[in-house]
Protein backbone atom coordinates (compact mmCIF):
# COMPACT_ATOMS: atom_id res chain seq x y z
CA MET A 1 7.36 -9.01 -31.15
CA SER A 2 10.55 -7.82 -29.51
CA GLY A 3 8.50 -5.23 -27.64
CA LEU A 4 6.59 -7.99 -25.90
CA ALA A 5 9.84 -9.64 -24.88
CA LEU A 6 10.64 -6.47 -22.96
CA LEU A 7 7.19 -5.51 -21.68
CA ILE A 8 6.11 -8.87 -20.25
CA PRO A 9 9.10 -9.30 -17.90
CA LEU A 10 8.87 -5.61 -16.98
CA ALA A 11 5.19 -6.00 -16.07
CA LEU A 12 5.93 -9.10 -14.01
CA LEU A 13 8.75 -7.31 -12.20
CA LEU A 14 6.56 -4.31 -11.38
CA GLY A 15 3.80 -6.62 -10.18
CA LEU A 16 6.20 -8.45 -7.88
CA CYS A 17 7.50 -5.12 -6.54
CA GLY A 18 3.94 -4.03 -5.76
CA LEU A 19 3.19 -7.35 -4.06
CA ALA A 20 6.39 -7.10 -2.00
CA ALA A 21 5.47 -3.54 -0.95
CA PHE A 22 2.01 -4.73 0.10
CA PHE A 23 3.39 -7.57 2.22
CA TRP A 24 5.97 -5.22 3.76
CA SER A 25 3.22 -2.79 4.75
CA MET A 26 1.19 -5.64 6.25
CA ARG A 27 4.16 -6.76 8.36
CA SER A 28 5.00 -3.23 9.52
CA GLY A 29 1.48 -2.66 10.89
CA GLN A 30 0.12 -0.15 8.37
CA PHE A 31 -3.32 -1.80 8.38
CA ASP A 32 -3.69 -2.51 12.11
CA ASP A 33 -6.14 0.29 12.94
CA LEU A 34 -8.40 0.91 9.96
CA ASP A 35 -11.13 2.79 11.83
CA GLY A 36 -8.92 4.92 14.07
CA ALA A 37 -8.08 7.67 11.60
CA GLY A 38 -11.66 7.89 10.39
CA MET A 39 -13.07 8.22 13.88
CA ARG A 40 -10.33 10.55 15.14
CA ILE A 41 -11.49 13.33 12.83
CA LEU A 42 -14.98 13.18 14.37
CA LEU A 43 -13.81 13.69 17.96
CA ASP A 44 -14.40 17.16 19.36
CA GLU A 45 -11.34 18.05 21.41
CA ASP A 46 -10.37 21.54 22.55
CA ASP A 47 -6.62 22.07 22.41
CA GLY A 48 -6.47 25.17 24.46
């Protein structure tokens, strides 16, 4: 039973850290251009 008293708050803390990281990435613009990287690999550009 004492294991649950440690694991439940630890799981909640890790979940909140993951949620905070997700919201931080949303605010910093990580998900602004979802198709750009996928389409950029298909472009045929000669570098030289």
